[in-house]
Amino acid sequence: MKTNMEDIDKLIKETLTEEETKFYNSLEEQNVLGMIGGLFKGKNKWILILMNMMTLVFFGLFIYCVINFFDAVEIKALLKWGLGSLVFLIGVSMLKIFAWMQMDKNALLREMKRLELQVSSLSGKMSQ
């Protein structure tokens, strides 16, 4: 199966111009670190920077609540600090899920661009 994909990729690259080939190569599959770096490019990088700062704030507040939870002796204080730590931990989790969803969206967009390029390449070859 891999040889078929390599053959298709070679066929597509042969029909593309030099500029299109560079663009096609930039759409290769990325590793996790490349996907994380891709979050901070484009129009929405400001919101992801803000969300990462909020994640750090929430994590710091979570640690603060956990420390106070273990120092508390009364039931009311235990419930208060325990609930606070749970809320901040859920906040961190939700922000991380949002970031992972953005990484998945970027991967899907990259694949859609590859498909569009392949379709245009093949249609150009068929019209010749």
Protein backbone atom coordinates (compact mmCIF):
# COMPACT_ATOMS: atom_id res chain seq x y z
CA MET A 1 0.00 0.00 0.00
CA LYS A 2 2.85 2.35 0.79
CA THR A 3 4.34 1.94 -2.67
CA ASN A 4 1.00 2.91 -4.24
CA MET A 5 0.92 6.10 -2.17
CA GLU A 6 4.52 6.87 -3.09
CA ASP A 7 3.71 6.30 -6.77
CA ILE A 8 0.71 8.63 -6.54
CA ASP A 9 2.79 11.28 -4.78
CA LYS A 10 5.49 10.99 -7.46
CA LEU A 11 2.88 11.30 -10.22
CA ILE A 12 1.36 14.37 -8.60
CA LYS A 13 4.75 16.03 -8.08
CA GLU A 14 5.62 15.47 -11.73
CA THR A 15 2.52 17.37 -12.86
CA LEU A 16 3.07 20.33 -10.51
CA THR A 17 5.08 23.44 -11.16
CA GLU A 18 8.07 24.23 -8.93
CA GLU A 19 6.05 26.65 -6.78
CA GLU A 20 3.20 24.17 -6.41
CA THR A 21 5.69 21.44 -5.46
CA LYS A 22 7.08 23.59 -2.65
CA PHE A 23 3.56 24.22 -1.40
CA TYR A 24 2.71 20.51 -1.63
CA ASN A 25 5.84 19.59 0.35
CA SER A 26 4.92 22.10 3.06
CA LEU A 27 1.67 20.20 3.58
CA GLU A 28 3.41 17.03 4.77
CA GLU A 29 2.22 15.36 7.95
CA GLN A 30 3.70 16.98 11.07
CA ASN A 31 4.84 15.53 14.36
CA VAL A 32 3.28 16.68 17.64
CA LEU A 33 5.83 19.45 18.23
CA GLY A 34 5.26 20.77 14.73
CA MET A 35 1.51 20.79 15.33
CA ILE A 36 1.96 22.67 18.61
CA GLY A 37 4.14 25.22 16.83
CA GLY A 38 1.46 25.52 14.14
CA LEU A 39 -1.02 26.69 16.75
CA PHE A 40 0.88 29.94 17.13
CA LYS A 41 0.75 30.84 13.44
CA GLY A 42 -2.10 32.45 11.61
CA LYS A 43 -5.00 34.66 12.57
CA ASN A 44 -5.86 33.05 15.90
CA LYS A 45 -2.42 32.97 17.50
CA TRP A 46 -3.39 35.73 19.95
CA ILE A 47 -6.24 33.68 21.39
CA LEU A 48 -4.03 30.63 21.81
CA ILE A 49 -1.36 32.69 23.55
CA LEU A 50 -4.05 34.08 25.85
CA MET A 51 -5.44 30.61 26.50
CA ASN A 52 -2.01 29.23 27.34
CA MET A 53 -1.46 32.08 29.79
CA MET A 54 -4.85 31.31 31.35
CA THR A 55 -3.87 27.64 31.55
CA LEU A 56 -0.77 28.60 33.54
CA VAL A 57 -2.85 30.82 35.83
CA PHE A 58 -5.44 28.07 36.37
CA PHE A 59 -2.71 25.52 37.06
CA GLY A 60 -1.10 27.86 39.61
CA LEU A 61 -4.46 28.36 41.32
CA PHE A 62 -5.02 24.60 41.28
CA ILE A 63 -1.69 24.05 43.07
CA TYR A 64 -2.58 26.78 45.57
CA CYS A 65 -5.95 25.14 46.30
CA VAL A 66 -4.37 21.70 46.70
CA ILE A 67 -1.78 23.03 49.17
CA ASN A 68 -4.50 24.76 51.19
CA PHE A 69 -6.65 21.63 51.00
CA PHE A 70 -3.98 19.59 52.75
CA ASP A 71 -3.44 22.33 55.35
CA ALA A 72 -7.15 22.66 56.20
CA VAL A 73 -8.55 20.95 59.29
CA GLU A 74 -12.24 21.87 59.18
CA ILE A 75 -14.71 20.11 56.92
CA LYS A 76 -15.99 23.41 55.48
CA ALA A 77 -12.48 24.51 54.51
CA LEU A 78 -11.71 21.07 53.04
CA LEU A 79 -14.82 21.27 50.85
CA LYS A 80 -14.01 24.83 49.76
CA TRP A 81 -10.40 24.10 48.77
CA GLY A 82 -11.31 20.73 47.25
CA LEU A 83 -14.04 22.27 45.11
CA GLY A 84 -11.70 25.10 44.08
CA SER A 85 -9.01 22.66 43.02
CA LEU A 86 -11.56 20.63 41.06
CA VAL A 87 -12.87 23.73 39.25
CA PHE A 88 -9.38 24.89 38.26
CA LEU A 89 -8.35 21.41 37.15
CA ILE A 90 -11.43 21.21 34.94
CA GLY A 91 -10.55 24.66 33.54
CA VAL A 92 -7.03 23.49 32.64
CA SER A 93 -8.46 20.36 31.02
CA MET A 94 -10.97 22.31 28.94
CA LEU A 95 -8.32 24.71 27.68
CA LYS A 96 -6.04 21.82 26.72
CA ILE A 97 -8.90 20.08 24.90
CA PHE A 98 -9.50 23.29 22.93
CA ALA A 99 -5.84 23.39 21.91
CA TRP A 100 -5.92 19.74 20.80
CA MET A 101 -9.07 20.43 18.77
CA GLN A 102 -7.31 23.34 17.05
CA MET A 103 -4.37 21.07 16.21
CA ASP A 104 -6.79 18.53 14.73
CA LYS A 105 -8.51 21.27 12.72
CA ASN A 106 -5.18 22.42 11.32
CA ALA A 107 -4.31 18.84 10.31
CA LEU A 108 -7.67 18.45 8.55
CA LEU A 109 -7.23 21.75 6.71
CA ARG A 110 -3.77 20.68 5.61
CA GLU A 111 -5.18 17.41 4.21
CA MET A 112 -7.98 19.28 2.44
CA LYS A 113 -5.42 21.56 0.79
CA ARG A 114 -3.46 18.50 -0.35
CA LEU A 115 -6.63 17.01 -1.84
CA GLU A 116 -7.49 20.26 -3.62
CA LEU A 117 -3.99 20.41 -5.06
CA GLN A 118 -4.19 16.79 -6.18
CA VAL A 119 -7.58 17.31 -7.82
CA SER A 120 -6.40 20.42 -9.66
CA SER A 121 -3.23 18.62 -10.75
CA LEU A 122 -5.13 15.61 -12.05
CA SER A 123 -7.75 17.73 -13.79
CA GLY A 124 -4.98 19.70 -15.50
CA LYS A 125 -3.41 16.46 -16.66
CA MET A 126 -6.73 15.15 -17.99
CA SER A 127 -7.40 18.32 -19.99
CA GLN A 128 -4.09 17.99 -21.86
